[in-house]
Amino acid sequence: MIVLAFVVAPQFGLLDRIGLVLFGLGVGWLLHMFARCRVTADEHGLTVVNAFRTHRFEWAEVIGVSMGTGEPWPTLDLADGESLGAMGINGAEREDAARALAELRTLMHAHGEAPDR
């Protein structure tokens, strides 16, 4: 967008060019926020980094995980009755999502208080 701001037609003024650069920075920031999404597990719990918020849960707080056909990401069921989407597991990547979901369920059963299903 910076290059475009310099090579656009001469009728574009300084504010138009600044607007192009700011637009490019905004799009870049938004793409970065979505690219940072992940789900990380360790022996103490689960960290879910979504686009704009990071959540940390102890294993006992996560009681279930589900992902229906066609859903963009799985939903974590929490002990307090809340639900949280885990954007770090992309439903469009079917095999990878299924493997990640299976690994997450295994960890939940090994470390947490998740019921057997």
C-alpha atoms as a PDB file:
ATOM      1  CA  MET A   1       0.000   0.000   0.000  1.00  0.00           C
ATOM      2  CA  ILE A   2       2.960   2.308   0.594  1.00  0.00           C
ATOM      3  CA  VAL A   3       4.185   1.750  -2.962  1.00  0.00           C
ATOM      4  CA  LEU A   4       0.663   2.197  -4.271  1.00  0.00           C
ATOM      5  CA  ALA A   5       0.382   5.494  -2.383  1.00  0.00           C
ATOM      6  CA  PHE A   6       3.394   6.790  -4.334  1.00  0.00           C
ATOM      7  CA  VAL A   7       2.441   5.520  -7.777  1.00  0.00           C
ATOM      8  CA  VAL A   8      -1.285   6.351  -7.842  1.00  0.00           C
ATOM      9  CA  ALA A   9      -2.662   8.897 -10.240  1.00  0.00           C
ATOM     10  CA  PRO A  10      -1.630  12.528  -9.675  1.00  0.00           C
ATOM     11  CA  GLN A  11      -5.172  13.596  -8.759  1.00  0.00           C
ATOM     12  CA  PHE A  12      -4.812  11.722  -5.449  1.00  0.00           C
ATOM     13  CA  GLY A  13      -3.897  14.213  -2.737  1.00  0.00           C
ATOM     14  CA  LEU A  14      -1.733  13.776   0.331  1.00  0.00           C
ATOM     15  CA  LEU A  15      -4.672  12.760   2.532  1.00  0.00           C
ATOM     16  CA  ASP A  16      -5.736  10.121  -0.020  1.00  0.00           C
ATOM     17  CA  ARG A  17      -2.237   8.679  -0.013  1.00  0.00           C
ATOM     18  CA  ILE A  18      -2.080   8.666   3.785  1.00  0.00           C
ATOM     19  CA  GLY A  19      -5.481   6.966   3.787  1.00  0.00           C
ATOM     20  CA  LEU A  20      -4.156   4.212   1.510  1.00  0.00           C
ATOM     21  CA  VAL A  21      -1.226   3.575   3.838  1.00  0.00           C
ATOM     22  CA  LEU A  22      -3.473   3.551   6.918  1.00  0.00           C
ATOM     23  CA  PHE A  23      -5.887   1.187   5.201  1.00  0.00           C
ATOM     24  CA  GLY A  24      -3.014  -1.175   4.377  1.00  0.00           C
ATOM     25  CA  LEU A  25      -1.773  -1.052   7.961  1.00  0.00           C
ATOM     26  CA  GLY A  26      -5.278  -1.779   9.249  1.00  0.00           C
ATOM     27  CA  VAL A  27      -5.718  -4.775   6.953  1.00  0.00           C
ATOM     28  CA  GLY A  28      -2.252  -6.046   7.902  1.00  0.00           C
ATOM     29  CA  TRP A  29      -3.034  -5.719  11.624  1.00  0.00           C
ATOM     30  CA  LEU A  30      -6.362  -7.543  11.212  1.00  0.00           C
ATOM     31  CA  LEU A  31      -4.729 -10.393   9.274  1.00  0.00           C
ATOM     32  CA  HIS A  32      -2.035 -10.660  11.950  1.00  0.00           C
ATOM     33  CA  MET A  33      -4.669 -10.916  14.690  1.00  0.00           C
ATOM     34  CA  PHE A  34      -6.403 -13.813  12.919  1.00  0.00           C
ATOM     35  CA  ALA A  35      -3.126 -15.544  12.074  1.00  0.00           C
ATOM     36  CA  ARG A  36      -2.049 -15.646  15.733  1.00  0.00           C
ATOM     37  CA  CYS A  37      -4.977 -17.880  16.784  1.00  0.00           C
ATOM     38  CA  ARG A  38      -3.858 -21.108  18.443  1.00  0.00           C
ATOM     39  CA  VAL A  39      -4.683 -23.653  21.112  1.00  0.00           C
ATOM     40  CA  THR A  40      -1.782 -24.711  23.332  1.00  0.00           C
ATOM     41  CA  ALA A  41      -1.904 -27.422  25.972  1.00  0.00           C
ATOM     42  CA  ASP A  42       0.562 -28.165  28.756  1.00  0.00           C
ATOM     43  CA  GLU A  43       0.486 -30.184  31.964  1.00  0.00           C
ATOM     44  CA  HIS A  44      -1.246 -27.348  33.860  1.00  0.00           C
ATOM     45  CA  GLY A  45      -3.988 -26.449  31.431  1.00  0.00           C
ATOM     46  CA  LEU A  46      -5.069 -25.015  28.145  1.00  0.00           C
ATOM     47  CA  THR A  47      -4.298 -21.662  26.529  1.00  0.00           C
ATOM     48  CA  VAL A  48      -6.685 -20.479  23.817  1.00  0.00           C
ATOM     49  CA  VAL A  49      -5.505 -17.507  21.780  1.00  0.00           C
ATOM     50  CA  ASN A  50      -8.353 -16.157  19.668  1.00  0.00           C
ATOM     51  CA  ALA A  51      -8.172 -13.119  17.413  1.00  0.00           C
ATOM     52  CA  PHE A  52      -8.550 -10.494  20.118  1.00  0.00           C
ATOM     53  CA  ARG A  53      -8.397 -12.294  23.480  1.00  0.00           C
ATOM     54  CA  THR A  54      -6.272 -14.892  25.204  1.00  0.00           C
ATOM     55  CA  HIS A  55      -7.846 -17.304  27.684  1.00  0.00           C
ATOM     56  CA  ARG A  56      -6.040 -19.586  30.122  1.00  0.00           C
ATOM     57  CA  PHE A  57      -7.879 -22.537  31.675  1.00  0.00           C
ATOM     58  CA  GLU A  58      -6.880 -25.166  34.196  1.00  0.00           C
ATOM     59  CA  TRP A  59      -7.720 -28.682  33.012  1.00  0.00           C
ATOM     60  CA  ALA A  60     -10.564 -29.007  35.530  1.00  0.00           C
ATOM     61  CA  GLU A  61     -12.253 -25.948  33.988  1.00  0.00           C
ATOM     62  CA  VAL A  62     -12.624 -27.558  30.544  1.00  0.00           C
ATOM     63  CA  ILE A  63     -15.287 -30.268  30.645  1.00  0.00           C
ATOM     64  CA  GLY A  64     -15.855 -30.918  26.958  1.00  0.00           C
ATOM     65  CA  VAL A  65     -15.048 -30.028  23.387  1.00  0.00           C
ATOM     66  CA  SER A  66     -17.298 -30.411  20.363  1.00  0.00           C
ATOM     67  CA  MET A  67     -17.188 -29.568  16.695  1.00  0.00           C
ATOM     68  CA  GLY A  68     -20.143 -30.228  14.444  1.00  0.00           C
ATOM     69  CA  THR A  69     -19.912 -30.823  10.733  1.00  0.00           C
ATOM     70  CA  GLY A  70     -19.350 -27.564   8.901  1.00  0.00           C
ATOM     71  CA  GLU A  71     -18.460 -25.524  11.989  1.00  0.00           C
ATOM     72  CA  PRO A  72     -15.463 -23.206  11.529  1.00  0.00           C
ATOM     73  CA  TRP A  73     -13.838 -24.165  14.848  1.00  0.00           C
ATOM     74  CA  PRO A  74     -14.552 -26.301  17.918  1.00  0.00           C
ATOM     75  CA  THR A  75     -16.389 -25.113  21.003  1.00  0.00           C
ATOM     76  CA  LEU A  76     -14.995 -25.668  24.474  1.00  0.00           C
ATOM     77  CA  ASP A  77     -17.545 -26.361  27.204  1.00  0.00           C
ATOM     78  CA  LEU A  78     -16.408 -24.846  30.486  1.00  0.00           C
ATOM     79  CA  ALA A  79     -17.237 -25.830  34.062  1.00  0.00           C
ATOM     80  CA  ASP A  80     -18.948 -22.482  34.745  1.00  0.00           C
ATOM     81  CA  GLY A  81     -21.535 -23.156  32.011  1.00  0.00           C
ATOM     82  CA  GLU A  82     -19.907 -20.896  29.441  1.00  0.00           C
ATOM     83  CA  SER A  83     -18.739 -21.906  25.973  1.00  0.00           C
ATOM     84  CA  LEU A  84     -15.742 -20.629  24.071  1.00  0.00           C
ATOM     85  CA  GLY A  85     -14.790 -21.029  20.426  1.00  0.00           C
ATOM     86  CA  ALA A  86     -11.238 -22.227  19.889  1.00  0.00           C
ATOM     87  CA  MET A  87     -10.334 -20.425  16.667  1.00  0.00           C
ATOM     88  CA  GLY A  88      -6.866 -21.986  16.640  1.00  0.00           C
ATOM     89  CA  ILE A  89      -8.295 -25.269  15.335  1.00  0.00           C
ATOM     90  CA  ASN A  90      -9.546 -24.569  11.831  1.00  0.00           C
ATOM     91  CA  GLY A  91     -12.525 -26.668  10.769  1.00  0.00           C
ATOM     92  CA  ALA A  92     -11.728 -26.178   7.084  1.00  0.00           C
ATOM     93  CA  GLU A  93      -8.632 -28.345   7.541  1.00  0.00           C
ATOM     94  CA  ARG A  94     -10.682 -31.460   8.211  1.00  0.00           C
ATOM     95  CA  GLU A  95      -7.974 -34.054   8.852  1.00  0.00           C
ATOM     96  CA  ASP A  96      -5.809 -31.686  10.895  1.00  0.00           C
ATOM     97  CA  ALA A  97      -8.835 -30.469  12.859  1.00  0.00           C
ATOM     98  CA  ALA A  98      -9.958 -34.028  13.601  1.00  0.00           C
ATOM     99  CA  ARG A  99      -6.450 -34.954  14.776  1.00  0.00           C
ATOM    100  CA  ALA A 100      -6.165 -31.826  16.948  1.00  0.00           C
ATOM    101  CA  LEU A 101      -9.610 -32.482  18.428  1.00  0.00           C
ATOM    102  CA  ALA A 102      -8.684 -36.087  19.243  1.00  0.00           C
ATOM    103  CA  GLU A 103      -5.430 -34.955  20.879  1.00  0.00           C
ATOM    104  CA  LEU A 104      -7.281 -32.320  22.890  1.00  0.00           C
ATOM    105  CA  ARG A 105      -9.858 -34.847  24.092  1.00  0.00           C
ATOM    106  CA  THR A 106      -7.087 -37.263  25.081  1.00  0.00           C
ATOM    107  CA  LEU A 107      -5.347 -34.539  27.092  1.00  0.00           C
ATOM    108  CA  MET A 108      -8.622 -33.512  28.713  1.00  0.00           C
ATOM    109  CA  HIS A 109      -9.255 -37.074  29.872  1.00  0.00           C
ATOM    110  CA  ALA A 110      -5.667 -37.540  31.036  1.00  0.00           C
ATOM    111  CA  HIS A 111      -5.337 -34.264  32.970  1.00  0.00           C
ATOM    112  CA  GLY A 112      -8.812 -33.030  33.700  1.00  0.00           C
ATOM    113  CA  GLU A 113     -12.157 -34.043  35.019  1.00  0.00           C
ATOM    114  CA  ALA A 114     -13.794 -34.503  31.638  1.00  0.00           C
ATOM    115  CA  PRO A 115     -16.434 -37.247  31.524  1.00  0.00           C
ATOM    116  CA  ASP A 116     -15.712 -40.307  29.395  1.00  0.00           C
ATOM    117  CA  ARG A 117     -17.670 -40.343  26.126  1.00  0.00           C
END
